[in-house]
Amino acid sequence: MIETTGAAATAAAWRRGPLLRRPERPVPLAVTVAGVLFVLLGLPQFMSLYYTGYMTLAAIYAIVSLGLALLVGRVGLFSLGQAAVLQLGAWVGARLLFATAQPFPVVLVEAGLVTMLIGTAIGLPALRMRGLYLALITLMLAGAITVILATVNFPNGGGGFTGYNGGQTHIPPIRRPSIAASDGAYFRYAVLAAIIMFALVIVHLRTRPGRAWAAIRQSEAAALAAGINTTFYKLWAFALASFITGVAGGLLAGEAKYLYSINFTTQDSITLLAVVLMGGVYNLWGAVIAALLLELLPAFLQSLHVSYSWLTILFGIGILQVLTTAPAGLADQFPKDMRNLGKLILRLARGGRGAAPGGSGAAPGSGAPGSSATPASGGSS
């Protein structure tokens, strides 16, 4: 009886609207638009070429983090294969950019479609697994993809299917779009691509797939009883996450200009999951925070001549903090902490203004020494 009632409630909520809680205080649209305009128009004027490159990578990895956050936070699928999907997207994007003269946006879409098919094929045998088992199987598949791509190497303008020629002396760079040849212009291009990918995910979350994913995350048994095709919607989530990650791979190929297998390791998948959990998987802003942690923090440490090895310690502390005190990540916890800090400062300021000059703080008529009030008598004099 309880299960039937729960299934009925799930079915009704699925038809009515999203099941997952929304942020308590969403960022106003005007603030979001102003922030995006500043990033596109104002921020490149203040950044050096060093930070422009890392901020471009942050925009690209915001897309990758978004795909992983979609799987983990919205569907409850812990995947450790997104870094391998990114690697596949970069390989396909580089091969098409070398072998064809297609417009850059078309290549990005094609890279996304190829990784979508591969990601769906990878997700199909893993649909019956959840939690640690799903994470392990996707990590093993990611390791296999890394080994394969390290064997065939990344395209460098050569002929054949792989496009790799080990005897080439002068390797041509991977081309960028004509409107974004410079680093600053490519940064804006990557940000615009990230905005489109975020908009694509938002549309999904606010329509039927988002409601289905929320129902599956809450209770897969109740979702099945409510008539939701859980297999179909899980594959849909894998397909969408793989598509946007493949687009990010194509963008990464244009940013790097030269791709090498040594730059892609299996442990990148673990690091990516760590920063996504730290950023927050229930809030879209968490993907942005995760990308900044993954790319901008190392750049800052390098500018201070601090070893990258400290990142392992910092990320470990961050994961411990998320697991113990902030399960929703920095995107949810930081605004709360700032509001609490603001309230505390306001209380202290008001307390300081309301205190008496002598510091006694005694109220009039309290009978304290120096008070002008007289005790009330029982009769008139």
Protein backbone atom coordinates (compact mmCIF):
# COMPACT_ATOMS: atom_id res chain seq x y z
CA MET A 1 0.00 0.00 0.00
CA ILE A 2 2.81 2.40 0.88
CA GLU A 3 4.69 1.58 -2.32
CA THR A 4 1.52 2.12 -4.40
CA THR A 5 0.95 5.48 -2.74
CA GLY A 6 4.57 6.49 -3.34
CA ALA A 7 4.34 5.47 -6.99
CA ALA A 8 1.16 7.49 -7.41
CA ALA A 9 2.81 10.52 -5.84
CA THR A 10 5.84 10.08 -8.09
CA ALA A 11 3.66 9.82 -11.18
CA ALA A 12 1.71 12.93 -10.23
CA ALA A 13 4.88 14.90 -9.51
CA TRP A 14 6.46 13.68 -12.76
CA ARG A 15 3.56 15.09 -14.73
CA ARG A 16 3.36 18.26 -12.65
CA GLY A 17 6.97 19.43 -12.46
CA PRO A 18 10.53 18.82 -11.24
CA LEU A 19 11.02 16.66 -8.18
CA LEU A 20 14.44 17.83 -7.13
CA ARG A 21 14.56 20.86 -4.91
CA ARG A 22 15.55 24.08 -6.57
CA PRO A 23 18.05 26.53 -5.11
CA GLU A 24 16.57 28.51 -2.25
CA ARG A 25 17.45 31.83 -3.84
CA PRO A 26 18.19 31.47 -7.56
CA VAL A 27 20.47 34.03 -9.10
CA PRO A 28 18.35 36.78 -10.72
CA LEU A 29 18.33 36.74 -14.52
CA ALA A 30 19.60 40.32 -14.69
CA VAL A 31 22.63 39.41 -12.55
CA THR A 32 23.35 36.38 -14.73
CA VAL A 33 23.12 38.41 -17.94
CA ALA A 34 25.34 41.15 -16.50
CA GLY A 35 27.90 38.55 -15.43
CA VAL A 36 27.94 36.89 -18.84
CA LEU A 37 28.36 40.24 -20.61
CA PHE A 38 31.24 41.12 -18.31
CA VAL A 39 32.95 37.78 -18.98
CA LEU A 40 32.52 38.19 -22.74
CA LEU A 41 33.33 41.87 -23.12
CA GLY A 42 35.14 43.10 -20.03
CA LEU A 43 37.15 40.23 -18.58
CA PRO A 44 39.47 39.66 -21.60
CA GLN A 45 40.64 43.27 -21.29
CA PHE A 46 42.02 42.60 -17.79
CA MET A 47 43.61 39.18 -18.39
CA SER A 48 47.08 38.41 -19.60
CA LEU A 49 47.61 35.76 -22.28
CA TYR A 50 48.58 33.35 -19.50
CA TYR A 51 45.25 33.61 -17.72
CA THR A 52 43.30 33.92 -20.97
CA GLY A 53 44.42 30.41 -21.90
CA TYR A 54 43.47 28.98 -18.53
CA MET A 55 40.11 30.75 -18.52
CA THR A 56 39.41 29.27 -21.95
CA LEU A 57 40.13 25.85 -20.50
CA ALA A 58 37.83 26.70 -17.58
CA ALA A 59 35.00 27.47 -20.02
CA ILE A 60 35.62 24.15 -21.78
CA TYR A 61 35.77 22.14 -18.57
CA ALA A 62 32.61 23.84 -17.32
CA ILE A 63 30.85 21.96 -20.13
CA VAL A 64 32.53 18.69 -19.11
CA SER A 65 31.63 19.27 -15.45
CA LEU A 66 28.06 20.03 -16.48
CA GLY A 67 27.75 16.66 -18.19
CA LEU A 68 29.09 14.78 -15.17
CA ALA A 69 26.94 16.82 -12.75
CA LEU A 70 23.91 15.92 -14.86
CA LEU A 71 24.61 12.21 -14.41
CA VAL A 72 25.50 12.38 -10.72
CA GLY A 73 23.16 15.05 -9.39
CA ARG A 74 20.09 14.65 -11.56
CA VAL A 75 20.02 10.91 -12.26
CA GLY A 76 22.20 9.43 -9.51
CA LEU A 77 24.68 7.74 -11.87
CA PHE A 78 28.30 7.97 -10.72
CA SER A 79 30.39 7.83 -13.88
CA LEU A 80 34.17 7.96 -14.03
CA GLY A 81 34.34 7.93 -17.80
CA GLN A 82 33.71 11.57 -18.72
CA ALA A 83 37.40 12.40 -19.10
CA ALA A 84 37.70 9.56 -21.63
CA VAL A 85 34.65 10.89 -23.51
CA LEU A 86 36.36 14.29 -23.59
CA GLN A 87 39.45 12.63 -25.01
CA LEU A 88 37.35 10.96 -27.71
CA GLY A 89 35.71 14.27 -28.58
CA ALA A 90 39.11 15.92 -28.90
CA TRP A 91 40.35 13.09 -31.15
CA VAL A 92 37.31 13.25 -33.43
CA GLY A 93 37.37 17.04 -33.53
CA ALA A 94 41.07 17.14 -34.40
CA ARG A 95 40.66 14.50 -37.12
CA LEU A 96 37.78 16.35 -38.77
CA LEU A 97 39.53 19.72 -38.52
CA PHE A 98 42.58 18.29 -40.25
CA ALA A 99 40.77 16.20 -42.86
CA THR A 100 37.93 18.52 -43.86
CA ALA A 101 37.24 22.20 -44.43
CA GLN A 102 33.90 22.11 -42.62
CA PRO A 103 32.93 25.10 -40.49
CA PHE A 104 34.10 24.85 -36.90
CA PRO A 105 30.56 24.70 -35.37
CA VAL A 106 29.68 21.79 -37.67
CA VAL A 107 32.78 19.91 -36.51
CA LEU A 108 31.80 20.51 -32.87
CA VAL A 109 28.33 19.08 -33.48
CA GLU A 110 29.78 16.08 -35.32
CA ALA A 111 32.25 15.42 -32.49
CA GLY A 112 29.34 15.59 -30.05
CA LEU A 113 27.25 13.16 -32.10
CA VAL A 114 30.09 10.63 -32.35
CA THR A 115 30.77 10.73 -28.60
CA MET A 116 27.02 10.56 -27.96
CA LEU A 117 26.82 7.25 -29.84
CA ILE A 118 29.92 5.89 -28.08
CA GLY A 119 28.79 7.14 -24.67
CA THR A 120 25.37 5.57 -25.12
CA ALA A 121 26.98 2.28 -26.14
CA ILE A 122 29.16 2.43 -23.03
CA GLY A 123 26.19 3.27 -20.82
CA LEU A 124 24.00 0.46 -22.16
CA PRO A 125 25.74 -2.47 -20.41
CA ALA A 126 26.20 -0.40 -17.26
CA LEU A 127 22.53 0.49 -16.78
CA ARG A 128 21.90 -2.33 -14.33
CA MET A 129 24.68 -1.05 -12.08
CA ARG A 130 24.62 1.80 -9.61
CA GLY A 131 26.93 3.48 -7.13
CA LEU A 132 30.40 2.02 -6.74
CA TYR A 133 29.86 -0.72 -9.34
CA LEU A 134 28.90 1.79 -12.05
CA ALA A 135 31.85 4.00 -11.12
CA LEU A 136 34.27 1.06 -11.38
CA ILE A 137 32.98 -0.21 -14.73
CA THR A 138 33.08 3.27 -16.27
CA LEU A 139 36.60 3.79 -14.89
CA MET A 140 37.74 0.54 -16.51
CA LEU A 141 36.19 1.58 -19.83
CA ALA A 142 37.87 4.99 -19.54
CA GLY A 143 41.22 3.27 -18.98
CA ALA A 144 40.65 1.13 -22.07
CA ILE A 145 39.86 4.18 -24.21
CA THR A 146 42.98 5.93 -22.90
CA VAL A 147 45.15 2.94 -23.83
CA ILE A 148 43.63 2.72 -27.33
CA LEU A 149 44.11 6.41 -28.07
CA ALA A 150 47.64 6.33 -26.67
CA THR A 151 48.37 3.49 -29.11
CA VAL A 152 46.96 5.15 -32.24
CA ASN A 153 48.09 8.64 -31.15
CA PHE A 154 46.25 11.89 -31.79
CA PRO A 155 45.88 13.18 -35.37
CA ASN A 156 48.66 15.52 -36.48
CA GLY A 157 47.64 16.17 -40.07
CA GLY A 158 48.75 12.83 -41.46
CA GLY A 159 46.76 10.61 -43.81
CA GLY A 160 44.68 7.51 -43.22
CA PHE A 161 42.00 6.90 -40.65
CA THR A 162 44.05 8.00 -37.65
CA GLY A 163 45.59 11.02 -39.37
CA TYR A 164 48.87 10.42 -37.56
CA ASN A 165 52.28 10.52 -39.21
CA GLY A 166 55.20 9.82 -36.91
CA GLY A 167 57.74 10.97 -39.47
CA GLN A 168 56.44 14.51 -39.76
CA THR A 169 58.93 17.17 -38.79
CA HIS A 170 56.69 20.21 -38.98
CA ILE A 171 53.35 19.42 -37.37
CA PRO A 172 50.58 21.83 -38.40
CA PRO A 173 48.43 23.29 -35.62
CA ILE A 174 44.78 22.32 -35.29
CA ARG A 175 42.82 25.10 -36.92
CA ARG A 176 40.47 27.44 -35.14
CA PRO A 177 37.42 29.25 -36.53
CA SER A 178 38.32 32.29 -38.60
CA ILE A 179 36.38 34.59 -36.28
CA ALA A 180 38.25 33.29 -33.23
CA ALA A 181 41.86 32.96 -34.34
CA SER A 182 43.35 34.96 -31.45
CA ASP A 183 43.38 33.73 -27.86
CA GLY A 184 40.99 36.41 -26.63
CA ALA A 185 38.52 35.74 -29.42
CA TYR A 186 38.70 31.99 -28.85
CA PHE A 187 37.99 32.55 -25.15
CA ARG A 188 34.78 34.36 -26.10
CA TYR A 189 33.97 31.59 -28.58
CA ALA A 190 34.36 28.93 -25.88
CA VAL A 191 32.20 30.92 -23.44
CA LEU A 192 29.43 31.25 -26.03
CA ALA A 193 29.61 27.50 -26.72
CA ALA A 194 29.39 26.84 -22.98
CA ILE A 195 26.31 29.09 -22.70
CA ILE A 196 24.60 27.12 -25.48
CA MET A 197 25.40 23.81 -23.77
CA PHE A 198 24.08 25.10 -20.44
CA ALA A 199 20.90 26.29 -22.17
CA LEU A 200 20.48 22.83 -23.74
CA VAL A 201 20.71 21.17 -20.33
CA ILE A 202 18.34 23.70 -18.73
CA VAL A 203 15.72 22.94 -21.40
CA HIS A 204 16.00 19.25 -20.61
CA LEU A 205 15.77 19.80 -16.85
CA ARG A 206 12.61 21.91 -17.16
CA THR A 207 10.77 19.47 -19.41
CA ARG A 208 9.74 15.82 -19.33
CA PRO A 209 13.27 14.31 -19.27
CA GLY A 210 14.23 16.40 -16.23
CA ARG A 211 11.16 15.26 -14.33
CA ALA A 212 11.87 11.64 -15.26
CA TRP A 213 15.50 11.93 -14.10
CA ALA A 214 14.39 13.45 -10.80
CA ALA A 215 11.93 10.61 -10.25
CA ILE A 216 14.60 8.00 -11.00
CA ARG A 217 17.01 9.64 -8.58
CA GLN A 218 14.44 9.73 -5.79
CA SER A 219 13.36 6.10 -6.21
CA GLU A 220 13.88 3.97 -9.27
CA ALA A 221 11.33 1.43 -8.05
CA ALA A 222 8.70 4.15 -7.60
CA ALA A 223 9.58 5.58 -11.01
CA LEU A 224 9.07 2.16 -12.61
CA ALA A 225 5.76 1.74 -10.81
CA ALA A 226 4.72 5.19 -12.06
CA GLY A 227 5.23 4.05 -15.65
CA ILE A 228 8.53 5.82 -16.35
CA ASN A 229 10.80 4.00 -18.78
CA THR A 230 13.92 4.19 -16.61
CA THR A 231 16.17 2.46 -19.16
CA PHE A 232 15.24 4.94 -21.87
CA TYR A 233 15.75 8.01 -19.69
CA LYS A 234 19.04 6.74 -18.27
CA LEU A 235 20.33 6.25 -21.81
CA TRP A 236 19.05 9.72 -22.64
CA ALA A 237 21.10 11.13 -19.75
CA PHE A 238 24.21 9.27 -20.92
CA ALA A 239 23.62 10.49 -24.49
CA LEU A 240 23.17 14.14 -23.47
CA ALA A 241 26.19 14.12 -21.14
CA SER A 242 28.34 12.47 -23.83
CA PHE A 243 27.16 14.92 -26.50
CA ILE A 244 28.05 18.07 -24.58
CA THR A 245 31.35 16.49 -23.46
CA GLY A 246 32.18 15.69 -27.09
CA VAL A 247 31.51 19.33 -28.01
CA ALA A 248 33.91 20.31 -25.22
CA GLY A 249 36.48 17.92 -26.71
CA GLY A 250 36.26 19.68 -30.06
CA LEU A 251 36.74 23.01 -28.33
CA LEU A 252 39.73 21.58 -26.46
CA ALA A 253 41.32 20.54 -29.74
CA GLY A 254 41.06 24.10 -31.06
CA GLU A 255 42.43 25.55 -27.83
CA ALA A 256 45.39 23.18 -27.49
CA LYS A 257 46.34 23.28 -31.23
CA TYR A 258 48.60 20.27 -30.55
CA LEU A 259 47.23 17.17 -28.79
CA TYR A 260 49.31 14.44 -27.16
CA SER A 261 48.17 11.28 -25.40
CA ILE A 262 50.46 11.97 -22.47
CA ASN A 263 48.24 14.90 -21.52
CA PHE A 264 45.27 12.58 -20.94
CA THR A 265 45.46 10.17 -18.02
CA THR A 266 42.90 7.85 -16.45
CA GLN A 267 43.22 9.59 -13.08
CA ASP A 268 41.77 12.74 -14.69
CA SER A 269 38.34 11.10 -14.40
CA ILE A 270 38.74 10.78 -10.62
CA THR A 271 39.94 14.36 -10.27
CA LEU A 272 37.02 15.56 -12.39
CA LEU A 273 34.49 13.75 -10.18
CA ALA A 274 36.14 15.23 -7.08
CA VAL A 275 35.90 18.84 -8.26
CA VAL A 276 32.34 18.33 -9.53
CA LEU A 277 31.28 17.10 -6.08
CA MET A 278 33.06 20.06 -4.50
CA GLY A 279 31.37 22.51 -6.84
CA GLY A 280 27.92 21.02 -6.36
CA VAL A 281 25.96 18.55 -8.46
CA TYR A 282 22.48 19.94 -7.68
CA ASN A 283 23.17 23.44 -8.98
CA LEU A 284 24.26 24.42 -12.49
CA TRP A 285 26.65 26.98 -11.01
CA GLY A 286 28.48 24.05 -9.44
CA ALA A 287 29.86 23.12 -12.88
CA VAL A 288 31.35 26.60 -13.24
CA ILE A 289 32.91 26.41 -9.78
CA ALA A 290 34.30 22.94 -10.55
CA ALA A 291 35.91 24.21 -13.76
CA LEU A 292 37.53 27.12 -11.94
CA LEU A 293 38.88 24.76 -9.29
CA LEU A 294 40.21 22.41 -11.96
CA GLU A 295 41.88 25.00 -14.20
CA LEU A 296 42.21 28.40 -12.53
CA LEU A 297 43.46 27.12 -9.17
CA PRO A 298 46.44 25.27 -10.74
CA ALA A 299 47.25 28.37 -12.79
CA PHE A 300 47.25 30.49 -9.66
CA LEU A 301 49.49 28.01 -7.82
CA GLN A 302 51.88 27.89 -10.76
CA SER A 303 52.12 31.70 -10.80
CA LEU A 304 53.17 31.46 -7.13
CA HIS A 305 55.72 28.74 -8.01
CA VAL A 306 53.83 26.18 -5.92
CA SER A 307 53.94 22.53 -6.97
CA TYR A 308 50.88 20.91 -8.53
CA SER A 309 51.24 18.15 -5.95
CA TRP A 310 49.52 20.39 -3.42
CA LEU A 311 46.34 20.12 -5.49
CA THR A 312 45.91 16.51 -4.39
CA ILE A 313 45.93 17.62 -0.76
CA LEU A 314 43.60 20.56 -1.41
CA PHE A 315 41.11 18.45 -3.35
CA GLY A 316 41.25 15.77 -0.66
CA ILE A 317 40.41 18.35 2.01
CA GLY A 318 37.65 19.69 -0.23
CA ILE A 319 36.07 16.27 -0.70
CA LEU A 320 36.22 15.63 3.05
CA GLN A 321 34.51 18.95 3.68
CA VAL A 322 31.79 18.16 1.12
CA LEU A 323 31.10 14.72 2.55
CA THR A 324 30.91 15.97 6.14
CA THR A 325 29.42 19.48 6.11
CA ALA A 326 28.32 20.51 2.60
CA PRO A 327 26.84 17.60 0.60
CA ALA A 328 25.36 20.05 -1.93
CA GLY A 329 28.79 21.57 -2.66
CA LEU A 330 30.14 25.10 -2.71
CA ALA A 331 27.39 26.36 -5.03
CA ASP A 332 24.87 25.72 -2.25
CA GLN A 333 26.99 26.19 0.87
CA PHE A 334 28.93 29.36 0.01
CA PRO A 335 25.86 31.62 -0.40
CA LYS A 336 24.48 30.32 2.89
CA ASP A 337 27.77 31.01 4.67
CA MET A 338 27.90 34.51 3.20
CA ARG A 339 24.31 35.24 4.30
CA ASN A 340 25.05 33.97 7.80
CA LEU A 341 28.23 36.06 7.91
CA GLY A 342 26.29 39.13 6.77
CA LYS A 343 23.65 38.57 9.45
CA LEU A 344 26.37 38.20 12.10
CA ILE A 345 28.09 41.43 11.02
CA LEU A 346 24.73 43.23 11.01
CA ARG A 347 23.92 42.00 14.51
CA LEU A 348 27.33 43.09 15.80
CA ALA A 349 26.93 46.50 14.15
CA ARG A 350 23.49 46.99 15.66
CA GLY A 351 24.71 45.83 19.04
CA GLY A 352 27.57 48.32 18.94
CA ARG A 353 25.25 51.21 18.07
CA GLY A 354 22.69 50.25 20.73
CA ALA A 355 25.19 50.04 23.63
CA ALA A 356 25.27 52.85 26.21
CA PRO A 357 28.29 55.22 26.10
CA GLY A 358 29.44 54.02 29.51
CA GLY A 359 29.18 50.44 28.40
CA SER A 360 26.63 49.56 31.10
CA GLY A 361 23.82 48.96 28.65
CA ALA A 362 21.28 49.51 31.48
CA ALA A 363 17.77 50.36 30.43
CA PRO A 364 15.98 53.39 31.89
CA GLY A 365 13.93 52.57 34.98
CA SER A 366 15.87 49.43 35.70
CA GLY A 367 17.03 50.59 39.10
CA ALA A 368 20.66 50.60 38.09
CA PRO A 369 23.03 53.10 39.73
CA GLY A 370 22.76 56.53 38.17
CA SER A 371 19.23 56.01 36.93
CA SER A 372 16.88 58.98 37.30
CA ALA A 373 13.80 56.85 37.77
CA THR A 374 12.32 56.56 41.27
CA PRO A 375 10.62 53.49 42.64
CA ALA A 376 6.86 53.67 42.59
CA SER A 377 5.29 54.37 46.02
CA GLY A 378 2.04 53.15 47.39
CA GLY A 379 0.53 56.65 47.92
CA SER A 380 0.97 60.33 47.15
CA SER A 381 3.02 62.64 49.29
